Amino acid sequence: MSKNKSDILKQLSINFPNFLKKDLSKVIEIILENIKNSLKNNERVELRDTMIFEAKSFKARYARDPRNNQKVFVPDRKLIKFKISKKWQKEINEK
């Protein structure tokens, strides 16, 4: 089963009934927006004892299309590296 923002919002509203749903939704949006902006600025996002997000940049280059063996241009791009903490990894793998 996967989780989405609405599932997280529902769980937060159950755990914190004194907060309005729209306020909790705003908190989720602020957190995600800050993570996104940090990754755009090539900053590392580290949530201690939980996980790390890091943007890895790749320079523009020419590559070979394996279907027709022609050169193709691949523009600059960033990929996000995600690493989970050893503590979480151990808890997830326990049965």
PDB file of N, CA and C in Angstrom:
ATOM      1  N   MET A   1       0.843  -1.182   0.000  1.00  0.00           N
ATOM      2  CA  MET A   1       0.000   0.000   0.000  1.00  0.00           C
ATOM      3  C   MET A   1       0.885   1.240   0.000  1.00  0.00           C
ATOM      4  N   SER A   2       0.560   2.185  -0.843  1.00  0.00           N
ATOM      5  CA  SER A   2       1.347   3.410  -0.894  1.00  0.00           C
ATOM      6  C   SER A   2       0.657   4.512  -0.098  1.00  0.00           C
ATOM      7  N   LYS A   3       1.436   5.497   0.251  1.00  0.00           N
ATOM      8  CA  LYS A   3       0.922   6.656   0.991  1.00  0.00           C
ATOM      9  C   LYS A   3       1.028   7.880   0.095  1.00  0.00           C
ATOM     10  N   ASN A   4       0.042   8.755   0.177  1.00  0.00           N
ATOM     11  CA  ASN A   4       0.131  10.026  -0.507  1.00  0.00           C
ATOM     12  C   ASN A   4      -0.113  11.149   0.504  1.00  0.00           C
ATOM     13  N   LYS A   5      -0.080  12.383   0.022  1.00  0.00           N
ATOM     14  CA  LYS A   5      -0.213  13.513   0.942  1.00  0.00           C
ATOM     15  C   LYS A   5      -1.532  13.492   1.710  1.00  0.00           C
ATOM     16  N   SER A   6      -2.605  13.091   1.058  1.00  0.00           N
ATOM     17  CA  SER A   6      -3.903  13.079   1.746  1.00  0.00           C
ATOM     18  C   SER A   6      -3.926  12.038   2.871  1.00  0.00           C
ATOM     19  N   ASP A   7      -3.250  10.899   2.658  1.00  0.00           N
ATOM     20  CA  ASP A   7      -3.161   9.890   3.725  1.00  0.00           C
ATOM     21  C   ASP A   7      -2.364  10.423   4.916  1.00  0.00           C
ATOM     22  N   ILE A   8      -1.279  11.097   4.620  1.00  0.00           N
ATOM     23  CA  ILE A   8      -0.452  11.679   5.689  1.00  0.00           C
ATOM     24  C   ILE A   8      -1.236  12.755   6.428  1.00  0.00           C
ATOM     25  N   LEU A   9      -1.954  13.573   5.675  1.00  0.00           N
ATOM     26  CA  LEU A   9      -2.773  14.625   6.279  1.00  0.00           C
ATOM     27  C   LEU A   9      -3.852  14.032   7.182  1.00  0.00           C
ATOM     28  N   LYS A  10      -4.473  12.960   6.732  1.00  0.00           N
ATOM     29  CA  LYS A  10      -5.505  12.294   7.528  1.00  0.00           C
ATOM     30  C   LYS A  10      -4.919  11.763   8.840  1.00  0.00           C
ATOM     31  N   GLN A  11      -3.737  11.137   8.744  1.00  0.00           N
ATOM     32  CA  GLN A  11      -3.093  10.592   9.943  1.00  0.00           C
ATOM     33  C   GLN A  11      -2.676  11.709  10.899  1.00  0.00           C
ATOM     34  N   LEU A  12      -2.159  12.805  10.360  1.00  0.00           N
ATOM     35  CA  LEU A  12      -1.787  13.934  11.215  1.00  0.00           C
ATOM     36  C   LEU A  12      -3.004  14.543  11.904  1.00  0.00           C
ATOM     37  N   SER A  13      -4.109  14.642  11.189  1.00  0.00           N
ATOM     38  CA  SER A  13      -5.313  15.215  11.799  1.00  0.00           C
ATOM     39  C   SER A  13      -5.868  14.314  12.902  1.00  0.00           C
ATOM     40  N   ILE A  14      -5.665  13.002  12.773  1.00  0.00           N
ATOM     41  CA  ILE A  14      -6.077  12.079  13.843  1.00  0.00           C
ATOM     42  C   ILE A  14      -5.156  12.228  15.049  1.00  0.00           C
ATOM     43  N   ASN A  15      -3.850  12.332  14.788  1.00  0.00           N
ATOM     44  CA  ASN A  15      -2.880  12.436  15.879  1.00  0.00           C
ATOM     45  C   ASN A  15      -2.894  13.800  16.554  1.00  0.00           C
ATOM     46  N   PHE A  16      -3.256  14.842  15.804  1.00  0.00           N
ATOM     47  CA  PHE A  16      -3.280  16.199  16.352  1.00  0.00           C
ATOM     48  C   PHE A  16      -4.645  16.825  16.093  1.00  0.00           C
ATOM     49  N   PRO A  17      -5.651  16.429  16.859  1.00  0.00           N
ATOM     50  CA  PRO A  17      -7.014  16.909  16.604  1.00  0.00           C
ATOM     51  C   PRO A  17      -7.215  18.406  16.876  1.00  0.00           C
ATOM     52  N   ASN A  18      -6.301  19.020  17.620  1.00  0.00           N
ATOM     53  CA  ASN A  18      -6.441  20.442  17.938  1.00  0.00           C
ATOM     54  C   ASN A  18      -6.064  21.351  16.770  1.00  0.00           C
ATOM     55  N   PHE A  19      -5.385  20.812  15.773  1.00  0.00           N
ATOM     56  CA  PHE A  19      -4.979  21.603  14.616  1.00  0.00           C
ATOM     57  C   PHE A  19      -6.010  21.462  13.502  1.00  0.00           C
ATOM     58  N   LEU A  20      -6.199  22.535  12.785  1.00  0.00           N
ATOM     59  CA  LEU A  20      -7.088  22.493  11.618  1.00  0.00           C
ATOM     60  C   LEU A  20      -6.405  21.753  10.478  1.00  0.00           C
ATOM     61  N   LYS A  21      -7.213  21.086   9.649  1.00  0.00           N
ATOM     62  CA  LYS A  21      -6.652  20.335   8.526  1.00  0.00           C
ATOM     63  C   LYS A  21      -5.906  21.251   7.562  1.00  0.00           C
ATOM     64  N   LYS A  22      -6.429  22.449   7.347  1.00  0.00           N
ATOM     65  CA  LYS A  22      -5.775  23.362   6.407  1.00  0.00           C
ATOM     66  C   LYS A  22      -4.414  23.810   6.940  1.00  0.00           C
ATOM     67  N   ASP A  23      -4.275  23.925   8.264  1.00  0.00           N
ATOM     68  CA  ASP A  23      -2.974  24.283   8.846  1.00  0.00           C
ATOM     69  C   ASP A  23      -1.982  23.138   8.698  1.00  0.00           C
ATOM     70  N   LEU A  24      -2.430  21.923   8.932  1.00  0.00           N
ATOM     71  CA  LEU A  24      -1.560  20.763   8.766  1.00  0.00           C
ATOM     72  C   LEU A  24      -1.156  20.597   7.303  1.00  0.00           C
ATOM     73  N   SER A  25      -2.088  20.865   6.413  1.00  0.00           N
ATOM     74  CA  SER A  25      -1.778  20.794   4.982  1.00  0.00           C
ATOM     75  C   SER A  25      -0.721  21.827   4.611  1.00  0.00           C
ATOM     76  N   LYS A  26      -0.836  23.001   5.168  1.00  0.00           N
ATOM     77  CA  LYS A  26       0.140  24.070   4.907  1.00  0.00           C
ATOM     78  C   LYS A  26       1.523  23.678   5.426  1.00  0.00           C
ATOM     79  N   VAL A  27       1.575  23.028   6.574  1.00  0.00           N
ATOM     80  CA  VAL A  27       2.852  22.568   7.131  1.00  0.00           C
ATOM     81  C   VAL A  27       3.510  21.560   6.189  1.00  0.00           C
ATOM     82  N   ILE A  28       2.727  20.622   5.690  1.00  0.00           N
ATOM     83  CA  ILE A  28       3.259  19.631   4.746  1.00  0.00           C
ATOM     84  C   ILE A  28       3.794  20.326   3.499  1.00  0.00           C
ATOM     85  N   GLU A  29       3.031  21.270   2.968  1.00  0.00           N
ATOM     86  CA  GLU A  29       3.458  22.008   1.767  1.00  0.00           C
ATOM     87  C   GLU A  29       4.735  22.795   2.010  1.00  0.00           C
ATOM     88  N   ILE A  30       4.850  23.435   3.160  1.00  0.00           N
ATOM     89  CA  ILE A  30       6.054  24.217   3.496  1.00  0.00           C
ATOM     90  C   ILE A  30       7.268  23.308   3.576  1.00  0.00           C
ATOM     91  N   ILE A  31       7.135  22.158   4.216  1.00  0.00           N
ATOM     92  CA  ILE A  31       8.250  21.215   4.342  1.00  0.00           C
ATOM     93  C   ILE A  31       8.703  20.727   2.973  1.00  0.00           C
ATOM     94  N   LEU A  32       7.754  20.308   2.145  1.00  0.00           N
ATOM     95  CA  LEU A  32       8.101  19.804   0.814  1.00  0.00           C
ATOM     96  C   LEU A  32       8.698  20.901  -0.071  1.00  0.00           C
ATOM     97  N   GLU A  33       8.168  22.105   0.041  1.00  0.00           N
ATOM     98  CA  GLU A  33       8.691  23.235  -0.744  1.00  0.00           C
ATOM     99  C   GLU A  33      10.124  23.563  -0.330  1.00  0.00           C
ATOM    100  N   ASN A  34      10.410  23.528   0.967  1.00  0.00           N
ATOM    101  CA  ASN A  34      11.768  23.789   1.445  1.00  0.00           C
ATOM    102  C   ASN A  34      12.747  22.718   0.988  1.00  0.00           C
ATOM    103  N   ILE A  35      12.321  21.466   1.002  1.00  0.00           N
ATOM    104  CA  ILE A  35      13.180  20.385   0.507  1.00  0.00           C
ATOM    105  C   ILE A  35      13.457  20.586  -0.975  1.00  0.00           C
ATOM    106  N   LYS A  36      12.419  20.899  -1.741  1.00  0.00           N
ATOM    107  CA  LYS A  36      12.571  21.103  -3.186  1.00  0.00           C
ATOM    108  C   LYS A  36      13.513  22.270  -3.487  1.00  0.00           C
ATOM    109  N   ASN A  37      13.333  23.390  -2.788  1.00  0.00           N
ATOM    110  CA  ASN A  37      14.189  24.561  -3.026  1.00  0.00           C
ATOM    111  C   ASN A  37      15.637  24.297  -2.642  1.00  0.00           C
ATOM    112  N   SER A  38      15.847  23.565  -1.580  1.00  0.00           N
ATOM    113  CA  SER A  38      17.209  23.225  -1.172  1.00  0.00           C
ATOM    114  C   SER A  38      17.882  22.347  -2.227  1.00  0.00           C
ATOM    115  N   LEU A  39      17.158  21.386  -2.758  1.00  0.00           N
ATOM    116  CA  LEU A  39      17.723  20.519  -3.789  1.00  0.00           C
ATOM    117  C   LEU A  39      18.000  21.294  -5.076  1.00  0.00           C
ATOM    118  N   LYS A  40      17.145  22.267  -5.393  1.00  0.00           N
ATOM    119  CA  LYS A  40      17.381  23.119  -6.572  1.00  0.00           C
ATOM    120  C   LYS A  40      18.682  23.901  -6.432  1.00  0.00           C
ATOM    121  N   ASN A  41      18.993  24.305  -5.191  1.00  0.00           N
ATOM    122  CA  ASN A  41      20.202  25.090  -4.912  1.00  0.00           C
ATOM    123  C   ASN A  41      21.411  24.213  -4.607  1.00  0.00           C
ATOM    124  N   ASN A  42      21.330  22.940  -4.967  1.00  0.00           N
ATOM    125  CA  ASN A  42      22.407  21.968  -4.746  1.00  0.00           C
ATOM    126  C   ASN A  42      22.795  21.832  -3.279  1.00  0.00           C
ATOM    127  N   GLU A  43      21.842  22.004  -2.402  1.00  0.00           N
ATOM    128  CA  GLU A  43      22.085  21.825  -0.978  1.00  0.00           C
ATOM    129  C   GLU A  43      21.634  20.426  -0.570  1.00  0.00           C
ATOM    130  N   ARG A  44      22.275  19.905   0.413  1.00  0.00           N
ATOM    131  CA  ARG A  44      21.946  18.579   0.935  1.00  0.00           C
ATOM    132  C   ARG A  44      20.883  18.739   2.021  1.00  0.00           C
ATOM    133  N   VAL A  45      19.861  17.899   1.988  1.00  0.00           N
ATOM    134  CA  VAL A  45      18.799  17.920   2.995  1.00  0.00           C
ATOM    135  C   VAL A  45      18.964  16.682   3.851  1.00  0.00           C
ATOM    136  N   GLU A  46      19.220  16.915   5.130  1.00  0.00           N
ATOM    137  CA  GLU A  46      19.458  15.802   6.038  1.00  0.00           C
ATOM    138  C   GLU A  46      18.467  15.870   7.187  1.00  0.00           C
ATOM    139  N   LEU A  47      17.645  14.859   7.291  1.00  0.00           N
ATOM    140  CA  LEU A  47      16.741  14.717   8.419  1.00  0.00           C
ATOM    141  C   LEU A  47      17.399  13.709   9.352  1.00  0.00           C
ATOM    142  N   ARG A  48      17.989  14.207  10.414  1.00  0.00           N
ATOM    143  CA  ARG A  48      18.827  13.383  11.300  1.00  0.00           C
ATOM    144  C   ARG A  48      18.150  12.086  11.700  1.00  0.00           C
ATOM    145  N   ASP A  49      18.919  11.025  11.676  1.00  0.00           N
ATOM    146  CA  ASP A  49      18.472   9.681  12.050  1.00  0.00           C
ATOM    147  C   ASP A  49      17.285   9.194  11.221  1.00  0.00           C
ATOM    148  N   THR A  50      17.063   9.788  10.050  1.00  0.00           N
ATOM    149  CA  THR A  50      15.948   9.385   9.211  1.00  0.00           C
ATOM    150  C   THR A  50      16.398   9.152   7.782  1.00  0.00           C
ATOM    151  N   MET A  51      16.719  10.257   7.067  1.00  0.00           N
ATOM    152  CA  MET A  51      17.072  10.133   5.651  1.00  0.00           C
ATOM    153  C   MET A  51      17.840  11.349   5.160  1.00  0.00           C
ATOM    154  N   ILE A  52      18.448  11.192   3.987  1.00  0.00           N
ATOM    155  CA  ILE A  52      19.210  12.253   3.348  1.00  0.00           C
ATOM    156  C   ILE A  52      18.764  12.354   1.892  1.00  0.00           C
ATOM    157  N   PHE A  53      18.548  13.588   1.432  1.00  0.00           N
ATOM    158  CA  PHE A  53      18.288  13.868   0.021  1.00  0.00           C
ATOM    159  C   PHE A  53      19.448  14.703  -0.484  1.00  0.00           C
ATOM    160  N   GLU A  54      19.912  14.397  -1.676  1.00  0.00           N
ATOM    161  CA  GLU A  54      21.020  15.154  -2.255  1.00  0.00           C
ATOM    162  C   GLU A  54      20.842  15.206  -3.764  1.00  0.00           C
ATOM    163  N   ALA A  55      21.016  16.406  -4.347  1.00  0.00           N
ATOM    164  CA  ALA A  55      20.900  16.558  -5.796  1.00  0.00           C
ATOM    165  C   ALA A  55      22.265  16.331  -6.417  1.00  0.00           C
ATOM    166  N   LYS A  56      22.316  15.430  -7.382  1.00  0.00           N
ATOM    167  CA  LYS A  56      23.551  15.151  -8.095  1.00  0.00           C
ATOM    168  C   LYS A  56      23.413  15.719  -9.504  1.00  0.00           C
ATOM    169  N   SER A  57      24.365  16.556  -9.892  1.00  0.00           N
ATOM    170  CA  SER A  57      24.314  17.211 -11.199  1.00  0.00           C
ATOM    171  C   SER A  57      25.101  16.424 -12.239  1.00  0.00           C
ATOM    172  N   PHE A  58      24.547  16.350 -13.432  1.00  0.00           N
ATOM    173  CA  PHE A  58      25.225  15.733 -14.556  1.00  0.00           C
ATOM    174  C   PHE A  58      25.368  16.780 -15.653  1.00  0.00           C
ATOM    175  N   LYS A  59      26.575  16.899 -16.200  1.00  0.00           N
ATOM    176  CA  LYS A  59      26.845  17.879 -17.248  1.00  0.00           C
ATOM    177  C   LYS A  59      26.238  17.422 -18.567  1.00  0.00           C
ATOM    178  N   ALA A  60      26.038  18.393 -19.449  1.00  0.00           N
ATOM    179  CA  ALA A  60      25.543  18.080 -20.788  1.00  0.00           C
ATOM    180  C   ALA A  60      26.605  17.276 -21.530  1.00  0.00           C
ATOM    181  N   ARG A  61      26.149  16.376 -22.394  1.00  0.00           N
ATOM    182  CA  ARG A  61      27.091  15.532 -23.117  1.00  0.00           C
ATOM    183  C   ARG A  61      26.414  14.963 -24.352  1.00  0.00           C
ATOM    184  N   TYR A  62      27.229  14.366 -25.177  1.00  0.00           N
ATOM    185  CA  TYR A  62      26.706  13.631 -26.328  1.00  0.00           C
ATOM    186  C   TYR A  62      26.740  12.146 -25.987  1.00  0.00           C
ATOM    187  N   ALA A  63      25.673  11.472 -26.320  1.00  0.00           N
ATOM    188  CA  ALA A  63      25.574  10.035 -26.068  1.00  0.00           C
ATOM    189  C   ALA A  63      25.216   9.349 -27.384  1.00  0.00           C
ATOM    190  N   ARG A  64      25.234   8.033 -27.362  1.00  0.00           N
ATOM    191  CA  ARG A  64      24.916   7.253 -28.558  1.00  0.00           C
ATOM    192  C   ARG A  64      23.563   6.581 -28.367  1.00  0.00           C
ATOM    193  N   ASP A  65      22.695   6.752 -29.352  1.00  0.00           N
ATOM    194  CA  ASP A  65      21.397   6.082 -29.352  1.00  0.00           C
ATOM    195  C   ASP A  65      21.627   4.636 -29.788  1.00  0.00           C
ATOM    196  N   PRO A  66      21.372   3.661 -28.914  1.00  0.00           N
ATOM    197  CA  PRO A  66      21.676   2.268 -29.257  1.00  0.00           C
ATOM    198  C   PRO A  66      20.800   1.693 -30.379  1.00  0.00           C
ATOM    199  N   ARG A  67      19.642   2.298 -30.629  1.00  0.00           N
ATOM    200  CA  ARG A  67      18.757   1.783 -31.677  1.00  0.00           C
ATOM    201  C   ARG A  67      19.295   2.042 -33.082  1.00  0.00           C
ATOM    202  N   ASN A  68      19.855   3.267 -33.278  1.00  0.00           N
ATOM    203  CA  ASN A  68      20.310   3.594 -34.625  1.00  0.00           C
ATOM    204  C   ASN A  68      21.766   4.071 -34.676  1.00  0.00           C
ATOM    205  N   ASN A  69      22.442   3.990 -33.541  1.00  0.00           N
ATOM    206  CA  ASN A  69      23.868   4.309 -33.450  1.00  0.00           C
ATOM    207  C   ASN A  69      24.193   5.767 -33.782  1.00  0.00           C
ATOM    208  N   GLN A  70      23.229   6.681 -33.624  1.00  0.00           N
ATOM    209  CA  GLN A  70      23.469   8.093 -33.897  1.00  0.00           C
ATOM    210  C   GLN A  70      23.799   8.824 -32.607  1.00  0.00           C
ATOM    211  N   LYS A  71      24.517   9.946 -32.739  1.00  0.00           N
ATOM    212  CA  LYS A  71      24.820  10.783 -31.589  1.00  0.00           C
ATOM    213  C   LYS A  71      23.583  11.591 -31.207  1.00  0.00           C
ATOM    214  N   VAL A  72      23.315  11.674 -29.912  1.00  0.00           N
ATOM    215  CA  VAL A  72      22.224  12.504 -29.410  1.00  0.00           C
ATOM    216  C   VAL A  72      22.759  13.381 -28.290  1.00  0.00           C
ATOM    217  N   PHE A  73      22.214  14.594 -28.199  1.00  0.00           N
ATOM    218  CA  PHE A  73      22.635  15.528 -27.161  1.00  0.00           C
ATOM    219  C   PHE A  73      21.784  15.306 -25.912  1.00  0.00           C
ATOM    220  N   VAL A  74      22.463  15.163 -24.774  1.00  0.00           N
ATOM    221  CA  VAL A  74      21.787  15.009 -23.485  1.00  0.00           C
ATOM    222  C   VAL A  74      22.075  16.272 -22.680  1.00  0.00           C
ATOM    223  N   PRO A  75      21.059  17.098 -22.376  1.00  0.00           N
ATOM    224  CA  PRO A  75      21.291  18.362 -21.660  1.00  0.00           C
ATOM    225  C   PRO A  75      21.663  18.147 -20.188  1.00  0.00           C
ATOM    226  N   ASP A  76      22.073  19.246 -19.526  1.00  0.00           N
ATOM    227  CA  ASP A  76      22.343  19.205 -18.083  1.00  0.00           C
ATOM    228  C   ASP A  76      21.113  18.675 -17.358  1.00  0.00           C
ATOM    229  N   ARG A  77      21.339  17.942 -16.283  1.00  0.00           N
ATOM    230  CA  ARG A  77      20.220  17.454 -15.495  1.00  0.00           C
ATOM    231  C   ARG A  77      20.674  17.161 -14.076  1.00  0.00           C
ATOM    232  N   LYS A  78      19.705  17.074 -13.197  1.00  0.00           N
ATOM    233  CA  LYS A  78      19.962  16.726 -11.810  1.00  0.00           C
ATOM    234  C   LYS A  78      19.123  15.512 -11.454  1.00  0.00           C
ATOM    235  N   LEU A  79      19.719  14.622 -10.700  1.00  0.00           N
ATOM    236  CA  LEU A  79      18.995  13.480 -10.152  1.00  0.00           C
ATOM    237  C   LEU A  79      19.076  13.565  -8.635  1.00  0.00           C
ATOM    238  N   ILE A  80      18.062  13.085  -7.989  1.00  0.00           N
ATOM    239  CA  ILE A  80      18.032  13.144  -6.531  1.00  0.00           C
ATOM    240  C   ILE A  80      18.465  11.805  -5.961  1.00  0.00           C
ATOM    241  N   LYS A  81      19.488  11.874  -5.111  1.00  0.00           N
ATOM    242  CA  LYS A  81      19.939  10.687  -4.386  1.00  0.00           C
ATOM    243  C   LYS A  81      19.207  10.662  -3.049  1.00  0.00           C
ATOM    244  N   PHE A  82      18.757   9.491  -2.675  1.00  0.00           N
ATOM    245  CA  PHE A  82      18.043   9.306  -1.418  1.00  0.00           C
ATOM    246  C   PHE A  82      18.744   8.210  -0.644  1.00  0.00           C
ATOM    247  N   LYS A  83      19.038   8.487   0.616  1.00  0.00           N
ATOM    248  CA  LYS A  83      19.682   7.480   1.448  1.00  0.00           C
ATOM    249  C   LYS A  83      18.965   7.431   2.789  1.00  0.00           C
ATOM    250  N   ILE A  84      18.598   6.235   3.187  1.00  0.00           N
ATOM    251  CA  ILE A  84      17.894   6.042   4.448  1.00  0.00           C
ATOM    252  C   ILE A  84      18.926   5.749   5.549  1.00  0.00           C
ATOM    253  N   SER A  85      18.585   6.104   6.789  1.00  0.00           N
ATOM    254  CA  SER A  85      19.511   5.871   7.892  1.00  0.00           C
ATOM    255  C   SER A  85      19.613   4.377   8.189  1.00  0.00           C
ATOM    256  N   LYS A  86      20.725   3.984   8.770  1.00  0.00           N
ATOM    257  CA  LYS A  86      20.929   2.575   9.116  1.00  0.00           C
ATOM    258  C   LYS A  86      19.897   2.108  10.139  1.00  0.00           C
ATOM    259  N   LYS A  87      19.523   3.012  11.034  1.00  0.00           N
ATOM    260  CA  LYS A  87      18.528   2.675  12.055  1.00  0.00           C
ATOM    261  C   LYS A  87      17.184   2.336  11.402  1.00  0.00           C
ATOM    262  N   TRP A  88      16.737   3.169  10.478  1.00  0.00           N
ATOM    263  CA  TRP A  88      15.476   2.908   9.781  1.00  0.00           C
ATOM    264  C   TRP A  88      15.580   1.648   8.931  1.00  0.00           C
ATOM    265  N   GLN A  89      16.710   1.486   8.262  1.00  0.00           N
ATOM    266  CA  GLN A  89      16.889   0.324   7.418  1.00  0.00           C
ATOM    267  C   GLN A  89      16.778  -0.959   8.249  1.00  0.00           C
ATOM    268  N   LYS A  90      17.380  -0.931   9.427  1.00  0.00           N
ATOM    269  CA  LYS A  90      17.325  -2.101  10.307  1.00  0.00           C
ATOM    270  C   LYS A  90      15.889  -2.364  10.763  1.00  0.00           C
ATOM    271  N   GLU A  91      15.142  -1.293  11.119  1.00  0.00           N
ATOM    272  CA  GLU A  91      13.764  -1.454  11.571  1.00  0.00           C
ATOM    273  C   GLU A  91      12.857  -1.960  10.452  1.00  0.00           C
ATOM    274  N   ILE A  92      13.082  -1.483   9.246  1.00  0.00           N
ATOM    275  CA  ILE A  92      12.267  -1.915   8.108  1.00  0.00           C
ATOM    276  C   ILE A  92      12.498  -3.380   7.782  1.00  0.00           C
ATOM    277  N   ASN A  93      13.751  -3.828   7.892  1.00  0.00           N
ATOM    278  CA  ASN A  93      14.094  -5.199   7.527  1.00  0.00           C
ATOM    279  C   ASN A  93      13.787  -6.223   8.617  1.00  0.00           C
ATOM    280  N   GLU A  94      13.464  -5.755   9.819  1.00  0.00           N
ATOM    281  CA  GLU A  94      13.085  -6.689  10.881  1.00  0.00           C
ATOM    282  C   GLU A  94      11.663  -7.169  10.631  1.00  0.00           C
ATOM    283  N   LYS A  95      11.412  -8.396  10.989  1.00  0.00           N
ATOM    284  CA  LYS A  95      10.060  -8.954  10.772  1.00  0.00           C
ATOM    285  C   LYS A  95       9.268  -8.941  12.034  1.00  0.00           C
TER     286      LYS A  95
END
